[in-house]
Amino acid sequence: AELSGTDVAVTVLCPTFVKTNIVESGRITEQSTQLAGRLMRWTGFSPERIARMCLDTHDRGGLYCMPQPDARIGWGIKRFTPTVYTRAVGLTTRVTTP
């Protein structure tokens, strides 16, 4: 809204897992590192693919860029049934936290 009427356009990038070496930083637990590594292999896209998809979305004038199917599903659940989303995140946190 603040940039309305200007030549500035904004696109929000909302990826889930991107195949990077971020889990190798040692900042998360070993269990979380293993889980994140598996999720990156299953659902992750390369950084180059994410960048291309985001730039394409931006060029089309899109506000949101959700490159992976699981990102779109998560966004839809959060947007249309926020209570279900909040409960699912809470349950997932309790199940995956030692």
Protein backbone atom coordinates (compact mmCIF):
# COMPACT_ATOMS: atom_id res chain seq x y z
CA ALA A 1 0.00 0.00 0.00
CA GLU A 2 2.85 2.39 0.80
CA LEU A 3 4.33 1.89 -2.68
CA SER A 4 1.05 2.22 -4.54
CA GLY A 5 1.44 4.42 -7.58
CA THR A 6 5.20 3.86 -7.81
CA ASP A 7 7.17 1.63 -10.14
CA VAL A 8 8.11 -0.69 -7.26
CA ALA A 9 6.60 -4.18 -7.38
CA VAL A 10 6.80 -6.80 -4.64
CA THR A 11 6.62 -10.58 -4.74
CA VAL A 12 6.67 -12.65 -1.55
CA LEU A 13 8.73 -15.84 -1.83
CA CYS A 14 7.27 -18.66 0.30
CA PRO A 15 9.29 -21.83 -0.31
CA THR A 16 9.36 -24.86 1.92
CA PHE A 17 12.61 -26.82 1.59
CA VAL A 18 15.36 -25.68 -0.77
CA LYS A 19 18.29 -27.98 -1.46
CA THR A 20 21.09 -26.05 0.23
CA ASN A 21 23.74 -26.82 2.83
CA ILE A 22 21.98 -24.81 5.57
CA VAL A 23 21.48 -27.88 7.76
CA GLU A 24 25.24 -28.38 7.88
CA SER A 25 25.70 -25.18 9.91
CA GLY A 26 25.42 -27.07 13.22
CA ARG A 27 22.81 -24.70 14.61
CA ILE A 28 20.07 -27.31 14.97
CA THR A 29 19.93 -30.68 16.71
CA GLU A 30 21.14 -33.82 14.96
CA GLN A 31 17.57 -35.16 14.85
CA SER A 32 16.34 -31.94 13.21
CA THR A 33 19.28 -32.00 10.80
CA GLN A 34 18.36 -35.52 9.68
CA LEU A 35 14.68 -34.63 9.29
CA ALA A 36 15.45 -31.45 7.34
CA GLY A 37 17.85 -33.38 5.11
CA ARG A 38 15.18 -35.97 4.30
CA LEU A 39 12.57 -33.29 3.60
CA MET A 40 14.98 -31.45 1.31
CA ARG A 41 15.59 -34.62 -0.67
CA TRP A 42 11.84 -35.40 -0.93
CA THR A 43 10.32 -31.97 -1.51
CA GLY A 44 13.21 -29.59 -2.05
CA PHE A 45 13.94 -27.76 -5.25
CA SER A 46 17.33 -26.42 -6.24
CA PRO A 47 18.09 -22.78 -5.39
CA GLU A 48 18.29 -22.03 -9.12
CA ARG A 49 14.83 -23.46 -9.75
CA ILE A 50 13.36 -21.49 -6.82
CA ALA A 51 14.98 -18.28 -8.09
CA ARG A 52 13.69 -18.81 -11.64
CA MET A 53 10.15 -19.53 -10.41
CA CYS A 54 10.19 -16.46 -8.17
CA LEU A 55 11.45 -14.20 -10.95
CA ASP A 56 8.84 -15.59 -13.35
CA THR A 57 6.08 -14.98 -10.79
CA HIS A 58 7.37 -11.45 -10.22
CA ASP A 59 7.50 -10.76 -13.97
CA ARG A 60 3.84 -11.84 -14.22
CA GLY A 61 2.95 -9.42 -11.41
CA GLY A 62 2.21 -12.12 -8.84
CA LEU A 63 2.20 -11.19 -5.18
CA TYR A 64 2.97 -14.68 -3.83
CA CYS A 65 5.45 -17.23 -5.14
CA MET A 66 4.95 -20.67 -3.62
CA PRO A 67 7.21 -22.86 -5.74
CA GLN A 68 6.54 -26.28 -4.25
CA PRO A 69 3.17 -28.04 -4.07
CA ASP A 70 3.51 -28.48 -0.29
CA ALA A 71 4.01 -24.71 0.06
CA ARG A 72 0.76 -24.06 -1.81
CA ILE A 73 -1.11 -26.66 0.26
CA GLY A 74 0.25 -25.25 3.53
CA TRP A 75 -0.65 -21.72 2.50
CA GLY A 76 -4.18 -22.78 1.56
CA ILE A 77 -4.73 -24.56 4.87
CA LYS A 78 -3.31 -21.63 6.83
CA ARG A 79 -5.37 -19.11 4.85
CA PHE A 80 -8.74 -20.87 4.82
CA THR A 81 -8.64 -22.93 8.04
CA PRO A 82 -6.20 -21.21 10.41
CA THR A 83 -7.33 -23.21 13.44
CA VAL A 84 -6.60 -26.51 11.69
CA TYR A 85 -3.20 -25.18 10.61
CA THR A 86 -2.30 -24.01 14.12
CA ARG A 87 -3.30 -27.33 15.66
CA ALA A 88 -1.39 -29.31 13.02
CA VAL A 89 1.77 -27.26 13.60
CA GLY A 90 1.42 -27.71 17.36
CA LEU A 91 0.95 -31.46 17.01
CA THR A 92 3.89 -31.73 14.62
CA THR A 93 6.09 -29.80 17.04
CA ARG A 94 5.13 -32.06 19.93
CA VAL A 95 5.72 -35.23 17.89
CA THR A 96 9.07 -34.17 16.42
CA THR A 97 10.56 -32.49 19.50
CA PRO A 98 12.47 -34.85 21.80
